[in-house]
């Protein structure tokens, strides 16, 4: 009798950033090098940012409200994908638990992901949505444009259905 071995989980190290607004520096690139994949939650700015990252690591991204037609042609408004056993939904303007963007609220109720990611606010926020039973992440802003004081990113690992080792990375003052 032929036995089929279960699919082995692979540990994926993810770097999550948002709101670069055309800014990319050596500190960000250092963390890109340490990741297996980079996810960008919009407001990319100049596509030189994502072009540089793509040369180094696999990239998943969405466009944001400041992004031009070139970015909107290359990246979607919503990016829903599986990473290992984790259903991920990434969009730029998503809101947060209790205050989700009305344009996505119905889909959120009917088909919730396991991990919901957005940017836009420039406010780093990680919280579990108990009502919808998923993890919400906003990495803050990695760029130097905006009202935020501290530039931030998130780093975490996904293995199978498990999200672990979440780390806040403070890049420095804007």
N, C-alpha and C. Protein backbone atom coordinates (compact mmCIF):
# COMPACT_ATOMS: atom_id res chain seq x y z
N UNK A 1 0.84 -1.17 0.00
CA UNK A 1 0.00 0.00 0.00
C UNK A 1 0.89 1.25 0.00
N UNK A 2 0.58 2.18 -0.87
CA UNK A 2 1.34 3.41 -1.00
C UNK A 2 0.87 4.41 0.05
N UNK A 3 1.81 4.91 0.84
CA UNK A 3 1.47 5.93 1.83
C UNK A 3 1.96 7.28 1.35
N UNK A 4 1.12 8.26 1.52
CA UNK A 4 1.50 9.62 1.12
C UNK A 4 1.86 10.38 2.39
N UNK A 5 3.06 10.88 2.41
CA UNK A 5 3.52 11.63 3.57
C UNK A 5 2.79 12.97 3.63
N UNK A 6 2.44 13.41 4.84
CA UNK A 6 1.80 14.73 4.94
C UNK A 6 2.76 15.83 4.50
N UNK A 7 2.17 16.89 3.96
CA UNK A 7 3.00 18.02 3.52
C UNK A 7 3.73 18.60 4.73
N UNK A 8 5.02 18.74 4.59
CA UNK A 8 5.84 19.28 5.68
C UNK A 8 5.74 20.81 5.67
N UNK A 9 5.53 21.38 6.84
CA UNK A 9 5.49 22.84 6.98
C UNK A 9 6.87 23.42 6.78
N UNK A 10 6.89 24.58 6.19
CA UNK A 10 8.14 25.31 6.01
C UNK A 10 8.02 26.60 6.83
N UNK A 11 9.04 26.90 7.58
CA UNK A 11 9.08 28.13 8.35
C UNK A 11 9.36 29.29 7.40
N UNK A 12 8.49 30.29 7.41
CA UNK A 12 8.67 31.48 6.57
C UNK A 12 8.87 32.70 7.47
N UNK A 13 9.96 33.40 7.23
CA UNK A 13 10.23 34.63 7.96
C UNK A 13 9.73 35.79 7.11
N UNK A 14 8.77 36.54 7.66
CA UNK A 14 8.10 37.61 6.92
C UNK A 14 8.52 38.96 7.46
N UNK A 15 8.84 39.88 6.56
CA UNK A 15 9.02 41.29 6.90
C UNK A 15 7.82 42.03 6.35
N UNK A 16 7.10 42.72 7.22
CA UNK A 16 5.91 43.47 6.83
C UNK A 16 6.17 44.95 6.97
N UNK A 17 5.98 45.67 5.87
CA UNK A 17 6.14 47.11 5.91
C UNK A 17 5.03 47.79 5.15
N UNK A 18 4.91 49.08 5.36
CA UNK A 18 3.88 49.88 4.70
C UNK A 18 4.33 51.33 4.67
N UNK A 19 3.67 52.09 3.84
CA UNK A 19 3.84 53.54 3.81
C UNK A 19 5.30 53.97 3.73
N UNK A 20 5.99 53.41 2.73
CA UNK A 20 7.38 53.83 2.49
C UNK A 20 7.42 55.18 1.78
N UNK A 21 6.37 55.52 1.04
CA UNK A 21 6.30 56.83 0.36
C UNK A 21 7.60 57.14 -0.38
N UNK A 22 8.07 56.18 -1.17
CA UNK A 22 9.27 56.30 -2.01
C UNK A 22 10.59 56.18 -1.25
N UNK A 23 10.55 55.94 0.04
CA UNK A 23 11.78 55.88 0.84
C UNK A 23 12.22 54.44 1.07
N UNK A 24 13.49 54.18 0.81
CA UNK A 24 14.11 52.89 1.10
C UNK A 24 15.53 53.19 1.53
N UNK A 25 15.95 52.63 2.66
CA UNK A 25 17.31 52.91 3.14
C UNK A 25 18.00 51.61 3.54
N UNK A 26 19.25 51.74 3.96
CA UNK A 26 20.06 50.57 4.30
C UNK A 26 19.49 49.77 5.47
N UNK A 27 18.86 50.45 6.42
CA UNK A 27 18.28 49.73 7.55
C UNK A 27 17.13 48.84 7.10
N UNK A 28 16.26 49.37 6.26
CA UNK A 28 15.16 48.55 5.74
C UNK A 28 15.74 47.38 4.94
N UNK A 29 16.72 47.66 4.09
CA UNK A 29 17.32 46.61 3.26
C UNK A 29 18.01 45.53 4.09
N UNK A 30 18.56 45.90 5.22
CA UNK A 30 19.18 44.92 6.13
C UNK A 30 18.13 43.90 6.57
N UNK A 31 16.95 44.39 6.93
CA UNK A 31 15.87 43.49 7.36
C UNK A 31 15.27 42.72 6.19
N UNK A 32 15.24 43.32 5.01
CA UNK A 32 14.80 42.59 3.81
C UNK A 32 15.69 41.36 3.62
N UNK A 33 16.99 41.53 3.77
CA UNK A 33 17.95 40.43 3.61
C UNK A 33 17.71 39.30 4.60
N UNK A 34 17.20 39.61 5.78
CA UNK A 34 16.98 38.60 6.82
C UNK A 34 15.66 37.85 6.65
N UNK A 35 14.79 38.33 5.76
CA UNK A 35 13.46 37.74 5.58
C UNK A 35 13.47 36.70 4.46
N UNK A 36 12.47 35.83 4.49
CA UNK A 36 12.22 34.92 3.37
C UNK A 36 11.31 35.58 2.35
N UNK A 37 10.36 36.38 2.85
CA UNK A 37 9.41 37.12 1.99
C UNK A 37 9.22 38.50 2.58
N UNK A 38 8.89 39.46 1.71
CA UNK A 38 8.55 40.81 2.14
C UNK A 38 7.13 41.11 1.68
N UNK A 39 6.33 41.64 2.59
CA UNK A 39 4.97 42.06 2.27
C UNK A 39 4.88 43.56 2.49
N UNK A 40 4.31 44.26 1.50
CA UNK A 40 4.19 45.73 1.57
C UNK A 40 2.71 46.08 1.49
N UNK A 41 2.21 46.73 2.54
CA UNK A 41 0.78 47.04 2.65
C UNK A 41 0.41 48.41 2.08
N UNK A 42 1.07 48.83 1.02
CA UNK A 42 0.64 49.99 0.26
C UNK A 42 1.29 51.32 0.61
N UNK A 43 0.97 52.31 -0.22
CA UNK A 43 1.65 53.61 -0.25
C UNK A 43 3.15 53.39 -0.46
N UNK A 44 3.40 52.72 -1.56
CA UNK A 44 4.76 52.39 -1.98
C UNK A 44 5.49 53.66 -2.40
N UNK A 45 4.82 54.46 -3.22
CA UNK A 45 5.47 55.63 -3.80
C UNK A 45 6.18 55.21 -5.07
N UNK A 46 7.42 55.60 -5.22
CA UNK A 46 8.21 55.25 -6.41
C UNK A 46 8.39 53.73 -6.47
N UNK A 47 8.12 53.14 -7.62
CA UNK A 47 8.24 51.69 -7.77
C UNK A 47 9.68 51.21 -7.67
N UNK A 48 10.64 52.12 -7.61
CA UNK A 48 12.03 51.72 -7.35
C UNK A 48 12.12 50.99 -6.00
N UNK A 49 11.22 51.34 -5.06
CA UNK A 49 11.19 50.67 -3.76
C UNK A 49 10.89 49.19 -3.94
N UNK A 50 9.79 48.87 -4.62
CA UNK A 50 9.41 47.46 -4.78
C UNK A 50 10.32 46.75 -5.78
N UNK A 51 10.82 47.46 -6.79
CA UNK A 51 11.75 46.84 -7.74
C UNK A 51 13.02 46.39 -7.02
N UNK A 52 13.52 47.21 -6.11
CA UNK A 52 14.72 46.85 -5.34
C UNK A 52 14.45 45.65 -4.45
N UNK A 53 13.32 45.66 -3.76
CA UNK A 53 12.98 44.54 -2.87
C UNK A 53 12.82 43.25 -3.67
N UNK A 54 12.15 43.33 -4.82
CA UNK A 54 11.91 42.13 -5.65
C UNK A 54 13.21 41.50 -6.14
N UNK A 55 14.24 42.29 -6.31
CA UNK A 55 15.54 41.75 -6.73
C UNK A 55 16.19 40.94 -5.60
N UNK A 56 15.75 41.19 -4.37
CA UNK A 56 16.36 40.55 -3.21
C UNK A 56 15.53 39.38 -2.67
N UNK A 57 14.21 39.55 -2.62
CA UNK A 57 13.33 38.56 -1.98
C UNK A 57 11.97 38.54 -2.69
N UNK A 58 11.23 37.44 -2.53
CA UNK A 58 9.85 37.43 -3.03
C UNK A 58 9.04 38.53 -2.34
N UNK A 59 8.19 39.20 -3.11
CA UNK A 59 7.42 40.33 -2.61
C UNK A 59 5.94 40.13 -2.89
N UNK A 60 5.13 40.44 -1.91
CA UNK A 60 3.67 40.52 -2.07
C UNK A 60 3.31 41.95 -1.65
N UNK A 61 2.46 42.61 -2.42
CA UNK A 61 2.14 44.00 -2.11
C UNK A 61 0.75 44.36 -2.59
N UNK A 62 0.27 45.49 -2.11
CA UNK A 62 -0.96 46.12 -2.58
C UNK A 62 -0.65 47.59 -2.83
N UNK A 63 -1.46 48.23 -3.66
CA UNK A 63 -1.26 49.67 -3.86
C UNK A 63 -2.03 50.43 -2.78
N UNK A 64 -1.56 51.64 -2.53
CA UNK A 64 -2.21 52.51 -1.56
C UNK A 64 -2.76 53.76 -2.21
N UNK A 65 -3.35 54.62 -1.42
CA UNK A 65 -4.03 55.80 -1.95
C UNK A 65 -3.08 56.81 -2.59
N UNK A 66 -1.79 56.81 -2.26
CA UNK A 66 -0.87 57.76 -2.90
C UNK A 66 -0.20 57.17 -4.13
N UNK A 67 -0.42 55.89 -4.38
CA UNK A 67 0.27 55.23 -5.48
C UNK A 67 -0.34 55.57 -6.83
N UNK A 68 0.53 55.69 -7.83
CA UNK A 68 0.11 56.11 -9.17
C UNK A 68 -0.40 54.93 -10.01
N UNK A 69 -0.73 55.23 -11.25
CA UNK A 69 -1.28 54.21 -12.15
C UNK A 69 -0.32 53.05 -12.39
N UNK A 70 0.98 53.32 -12.39
CA UNK A 70 1.95 52.23 -12.59
C UNK A 70 1.86 51.22 -11.45
N UNK A 71 1.80 51.71 -10.22
CA UNK A 71 1.68 50.81 -9.06
C UNK A 71 0.34 50.09 -9.09
N UNK A 72 -0.71 50.78 -9.50
CA UNK A 72 -2.05 50.18 -9.54
C UNK A 72 -2.16 49.12 -10.63
N UNK A 73 -1.32 49.22 -11.64
CA UNK A 73 -1.29 48.19 -12.68
C UNK A 73 -0.48 46.98 -12.22
N UNK A 74 0.52 47.20 -11.38
CA UNK A 74 1.39 46.11 -10.94
C UNK A 74 0.85 45.37 -9.72
N UNK A 75 0.20 46.10 -8.80
CA UNK A 75 -0.26 45.51 -7.55
C UNK A 75 -1.77 45.68 -7.40
N UNK A 76 -2.43 44.73 -6.72
CA UNK A 76 -3.88 44.82 -6.54
C UNK A 76 -4.25 45.72 -5.36
N UNK A 77 -5.54 46.06 -5.29
CA UNK A 77 -6.09 46.78 -4.14
C UNK A 77 -6.15 45.85 -2.93
N UNK A 78 -6.57 44.61 -3.17
CA UNK A 78 -6.64 43.57 -2.14
C UNK A 78 -5.79 42.41 -2.60
N UNK A 79 -5.02 41.85 -1.69
CA UNK A 79 -4.22 40.67 -2.00
C UNK A 79 -4.59 39.60 -0.98
N UNK A 80 -5.30 38.59 -1.43
CA UNK A 80 -5.72 37.49 -0.56
C UNK A 80 -4.95 36.26 -1.00
N UNK A 81 -4.22 35.65 -0.08
CA UNK A 81 -3.36 34.53 -0.44
C UNK A 81 -3.16 33.62 0.76
N UNK A 82 -2.65 32.44 0.49
CA UNK A 82 -2.27 31.49 1.55
C UNK A 82 -0.76 31.55 1.70
N UNK A 83 -0.30 31.64 2.93
CA UNK A 83 1.11 31.48 3.25
C UNK A 83 1.17 30.31 4.21
N UNK A 84 1.72 29.20 3.73
CA UNK A 84 1.64 27.95 4.50
C UNK A 84 0.16 27.67 4.77
N UNK A 85 -0.25 27.52 6.02
CA UNK A 85 -1.64 27.25 6.34
C UNK A 85 -2.40 28.47 6.82
N UNK A 86 -1.88 29.67 6.54
CA UNK A 86 -2.50 30.91 7.01
C UNK A 86 -3.14 31.65 5.84
N UNK A 87 -4.44 31.90 5.97
CA UNK A 87 -5.20 32.69 5.00
C UNK A 87 -4.94 34.16 5.32
N UNK A 88 -4.30 34.87 4.38
CA UNK A 88 -3.90 36.26 4.59
C UNK A 88 -4.70 37.17 3.66
N UNK A 89 -5.17 38.27 4.21
CA UNK A 89 -5.82 39.31 3.41
C UNK A 89 -5.08 40.61 3.69
N UNK A 90 -4.51 41.19 2.63
CA UNK A 90 -3.77 42.44 2.77
C UNK A 90 -4.41 43.50 1.88
N UNK A 91 -4.64 44.67 2.45
CA UNK A 91 -5.15 45.82 1.72
C UNK A 91 -4.58 47.07 2.39
N UNK A 92 -4.66 48.20 1.72
CA UNK A 92 -4.05 49.39 2.31
C UNK A 92 -4.97 50.06 3.33
N UNK A 93 -6.18 50.39 2.93
CA UNK A 93 -7.11 51.08 3.83
C UNK A 93 -8.11 50.05 4.35
N UNK A 94 -7.80 49.46 5.48
CA UNK A 94 -8.64 48.39 6.01
C UNK A 94 -9.31 48.71 7.32
N UNK A 95 -8.78 49.66 8.07
CA UNK A 95 -9.31 49.94 9.39
C UNK A 95 -8.74 48.99 10.42
N UNK A 96 -9.47 48.80 11.49
CA UNK A 96 -9.03 47.94 12.58
C UNK A 96 -10.26 47.40 13.31
N UNK A 97 -10.08 46.43 14.20
CA UNK A 97 -11.24 45.82 14.85
C UNK A 97 -12.21 46.85 15.42
N UNK A 98 -13.47 46.69 15.05
CA UNK A 98 -14.52 47.61 15.46
C UNK A 98 -14.69 48.80 14.54
N UNK A 99 -13.71 49.05 13.67
CA UNK A 99 -13.76 50.22 12.76
C UNK A 99 -13.20 49.84 11.39
N UNK A 100 -13.70 48.74 10.82
CA UNK A 100 -13.22 48.34 9.50
C UNK A 100 -13.80 49.21 8.41
N UNK A 101 -13.04 49.32 7.32
CA UNK A 101 -13.49 50.03 6.14
C UNK A 101 -14.85 49.45 5.71
N UNK A 102 -15.87 50.30 5.55
CA UNK A 102 -17.20 49.79 5.17
C UNK A 102 -17.21 49.00 3.85
N UNK A 103 -16.25 49.30 2.97
CA UNK A 103 -16.19 48.60 1.67
C UNK A 103 -15.78 47.14 1.80
N UNK A 104 -15.21 46.75 2.94
CA UNK A 104 -14.77 45.36 3.11
C UNK A 104 -15.50 44.64 4.25
N UNK A 105 -16.32 45.36 4.97
CA UNK A 105 -16.95 44.80 6.18
C UNK A 105 -17.75 43.53 5.89
N UNK A 106 -18.55 43.51 4.84
CA UNK A 106 -19.37 42.32 4.53
C UNK A 106 -18.50 41.11 4.23
N UNK A 107 -17.46 41.31 3.42
CA UNK A 107 -16.56 40.20 3.10
C UNK A 107 -15.85 39.72 4.36
N UNK A 108 -15.50 40.65 5.23
CA UNK A 108 -14.85 40.32 6.49
C UNK A 108 -15.74 39.41 7.33
N UNK A 109 -17.03 39.71 7.38
CA UNK A 109 -17.98 38.91 8.15
C UNK A 109 -18.22 37.54 7.53
N UNK A 110 -18.35 37.51 6.21
CA UNK A 110 -18.71 36.27 5.51
C UNK A 110 -17.53 35.35 5.23
N UNK A 111 -16.35 35.90 5.11
CA UNK A 111 -15.19 35.10 4.75
C UNK A 111 -13.93 35.65 5.43
N UNK A 112 -13.87 35.59 6.75
CA UNK A 112 -12.73 36.19 7.45
C UNK A 112 -11.43 35.43 7.19
N UNK A 113 -10.32 36.17 7.09
CA UNK A 113 -9.01 35.53 6.96
C UNK A 113 -8.52 35.10 8.34
N UNK A 114 -7.35 34.52 8.41
CA UNK A 114 -6.72 34.25 9.71
C UNK A 114 -5.82 35.43 10.10
N UNK A 115 -5.30 36.13 9.07
CA UNK A 115 -4.44 37.29 9.28
C UNK A 115 -4.90 38.41 8.36
N UNK A 116 -5.27 39.54 8.95
CA UNK A 116 -5.70 40.71 8.19
C UNK A 116 -4.65 41.80 8.35
N UNK A 117 -4.14 42.31 7.21
CA UNK A 117 -3.06 43.30 7.21
C UNK A 117 -3.49 44.54 6.46
N UNK A 118 -3.20 45.69 7.03
CA UNK A 118 -3.41 46.94 6.32
C UNK A 118 -2.34 47.94 6.73
N UNK A 119 -2.33 49.07 6.06
CA UNK A 119 -1.41 50.16 6.35
C UNK A 119 -2.23 51.43 6.53
N UNK A 120 -1.82 52.50 5.88
CA UNK A 120 -2.53 53.77 5.74
C UNK A 120 -2.45 54.69 6.94
N UNK A 121 -2.71 54.21 8.13
CA UNK A 121 -2.82 55.09 9.29
C UNK A 121 -1.47 55.60 9.80
N UNK A 122 -0.38 54.95 9.41
CA UNK A 122 0.96 55.24 9.94
C UNK A 122 1.05 54.91 11.42
N UNK A 123 0.07 54.20 11.95
CA UNK A 123 0.05 53.83 13.37
C UNK A 123 0.23 52.32 13.49
N UNK A 124 1.32 51.90 14.10
CA UNK A 124 1.56 50.49 14.31
C UNK A 124 0.50 49.94 15.26
N UNK A 125 -0.14 48.85 14.82
CA UNK A 125 -1.18 48.25 15.64
C UNK A 125 -1.23 46.76 15.35
N UNK A 126 -1.16 45.95 16.40
CA UNK A 126 -1.34 44.51 16.28
C UNK A 126 -2.36 44.12 17.35
N UNK A 127 -3.45 43.52 16.92
CA UNK A 127 -4.46 43.11 17.88
C UNK A 127 -5.27 41.94 17.35
N UNK A 128 -5.77 41.14 18.27
CA UNK A 128 -6.60 40.02 17.87
C UNK A 128 -8.04 40.47 17.86
N UNK A 129 -8.73 40.23 16.75
CA UNK A 129 -10.14 40.57 16.63
C UNK A 129 -10.94 39.38 17.15
N UNK A 130 -11.42 39.47 18.37
CA UNK A 130 -12.16 38.37 19.00
C UNK A 130 -13.49 38.11 18.30
N UNK A 131 -14.12 39.16 17.81
CA UNK A 131 -15.42 39.02 17.16
C UNK A 131 -15.31 38.19 15.87
N UNK A 132 -14.25 38.42 15.09
CA UNK A 132 -14.09 37.74 13.81
C UNK A 132 -13.06 36.62 13.86
N UNK A 133 -12.37 36.50 14.99
CA UNK A 133 -11.41 35.42 15.23
C UNK A 133 -10.22 35.43 14.27
N UNK A 134 -9.59 36.59 14.14
CA UNK A 134 -8.36 36.68 13.35
C UNK A 134 -7.42 37.73 13.92
N UNK A 135 -6.18 37.66 13.49
CA UNK A 135 -5.15 38.60 13.92
C UNK A 135 -5.10 39.77 12.95
N UNK A 136 -5.08 40.98 13.47
CA UNK A 136 -4.99 42.20 12.68
C UNK A 136 -3.60 42.80 12.88
N UNK A 137 -2.95 43.18 11.76
CA UNK A 137 -1.63 43.82 11.84
C UNK A 137 -1.58 45.06 10.95
N UNK A 138 -1.02 46.13 11.49
CA UNK A 138 -0.66 47.31 10.73
C UNK A 138 0.78 47.64 11.16
N UNK A 139 1.73 47.59 10.22
CA UNK A 139 3.13 47.78 10.60
C UNK A 139 3.54 49.22 10.86
N UNK A 140 2.62 50.17 10.77
CA UNK A 140 2.99 51.57 10.90
C UNK A 140 3.58 52.06 9.59
N UNK A 141 4.51 52.97 9.65
CA UNK A 141 5.10 53.54 8.44
C UNK A 141 6.62 53.40 8.47
N UNK A 142 7.17 52.88 7.37
CA UNK A 142 8.63 52.71 7.26
C UNK A 142 9.28 53.92 6.60
N UNK A 143 8.48 54.77 5.99
CA UNK A 143 9.02 55.92 5.27
C UNK A 143 9.25 57.13 6.16
N UNK A 144 9.66 58.21 5.52
CA UNK A 144 9.97 59.44 6.27
C UNK A 144 8.92 60.53 6.04
N UNK A 145 7.88 60.24 5.24
CA UNK A 145 6.81 61.21 5.00
C UNK A 145 5.60 60.85 5.85
N UNK A 146 4.99 61.84 6.48
CA UNK A 146 3.80 61.62 7.28
C UNK A 146 3.94 62.21 8.66
N UNK A 147 2.93 61.96 9.47
CA UNK A 147 2.90 62.56 10.81
C UNK A 147 3.52 61.68 11.90
N UNK A 148 3.81 60.43 11.58
CA UNK A 148 4.37 59.52 12.58
C UNK A 148 5.73 60.02 13.06
N UNK A 149 6.05 59.69 14.30
CA UNK A 149 7.34 60.10 14.86
C UNK A 149 8.41 59.03 14.67
N UNK A 150 8.03 57.77 14.90
CA UNK A 150 8.96 56.64 14.81
C UNK A 150 8.62 55.81 13.58
N UNK A 151 9.63 55.49 12.80
CA UNK A 151 9.46 54.62 11.62
C UNK A 151 9.47 53.17 12.10
N UNK A 152 8.49 52.38 11.65
CA UNK A 152 8.35 51.02 12.15
C UNK A 152 8.06 50.01 11.05
N UNK A 153 8.36 48.75 11.36
CA UNK A 153 8.03 47.59 10.52
C UNK A 153 7.73 46.45 11.49
N UNK A 154 7.20 45.35 10.96
CA UNK A 154 6.96 44.15 11.75
C UNK A 154 7.69 42.98 11.11
N UNK A 155 8.12 42.07 11.98
CA UNK A 155 8.74 40.84 11.51
C UNK A 155 8.09 39.71 12.30
N UNK A 156 7.77 38.61 11.59
CA UNK A 156 7.16 37.46 12.25
C UNK A 156 7.42 36.22 11.42
N UNK A 157 7.04 35.08 11.98
CA UNK A 157 7.23 33.81 11.30
C UNK A 157 5.90 33.10 11.14
N UNK A 158 5.78 32.38 10.03
CA UNK A 158 4.62 31.53 9.78
C UNK A 158 5.15 30.13 9.51
N UNK A 159 4.59 29.18 10.26
CA UNK A 159 4.91 27.77 10.03
C UNK A 159 3.61 26.99 10.16
N UNK A 160 3.22 26.36 9.06
CA UNK A 160 1.92 25.69 9.05
C UNK A 160 0.82 26.72 9.26
N UNK A 161 0.00 26.53 10.30
CA UNK A 161 -1.08 27.47 10.62
C UNK A 161 -0.70 28.41 11.76
N UNK A 162 0.55 28.38 12.16
CA UNK A 162 1.00 29.13 13.34
C UNK A 162 1.75 30.41 12.94
N UNK A 163 1.33 31.51 13.53
CA UNK A 163 2.01 32.80 13.40
C UNK A 163 2.74 33.03 14.72
N UNK A 164 4.05 33.25 14.66
CA UNK A 164 4.80 33.36 15.92
C UNK A 164 5.96 34.34 15.79
N UNK A 165 6.62 34.54 16.91
CA UNK A 165 7.83 35.37 17.01
C UNK A 165 7.65 36.77 16.40
N UNK A 166 6.52 37.38 16.70
CA UNK A 166 6.25 38.73 16.22
C UNK A 166 7.20 39.71 16.88
N UNK A 167 7.80 40.56 16.06
CA UNK A 167 8.76 41.54 16.55
C UNK A 167 8.47 42.91 15.93
N UNK A 168 8.43 43.92 16.76
CA UNK A 168 8.30 45.30 16.29
C UNK A 168 9.71 45.81 16.02
N UNK A 169 9.91 46.37 14.84
CA UNK A 169 11.20 46.94 14.49
C UNK A 169 11.04 48.45 14.40
N UNK A 170 11.73 49.15 15.29
CA UNK A 170 11.76 50.61 15.24
C UNK A 170 12.99 51.00 14.44
N UNK A 171 12.76 51.62 13.28
CA UNK A 171 13.86 51.96 12.38
C UNK A 171 14.56 53.23 12.83
N UNK A 172 13.83 54.11 13.45
CA UNK A 172 14.39 55.37 13.90
C UNK A 172 13.39 56.50 13.71
N UNK A 173 13.77 57.65 14.17
CA UNK A 173 12.89 58.83 14.04
C UNK A 173 12.74 59.23 12.58
N UNK A 174 11.60 59.77 12.28
CA UNK A 174 11.30 60.25 10.94
C UNK A 174 12.14 61.46 10.70
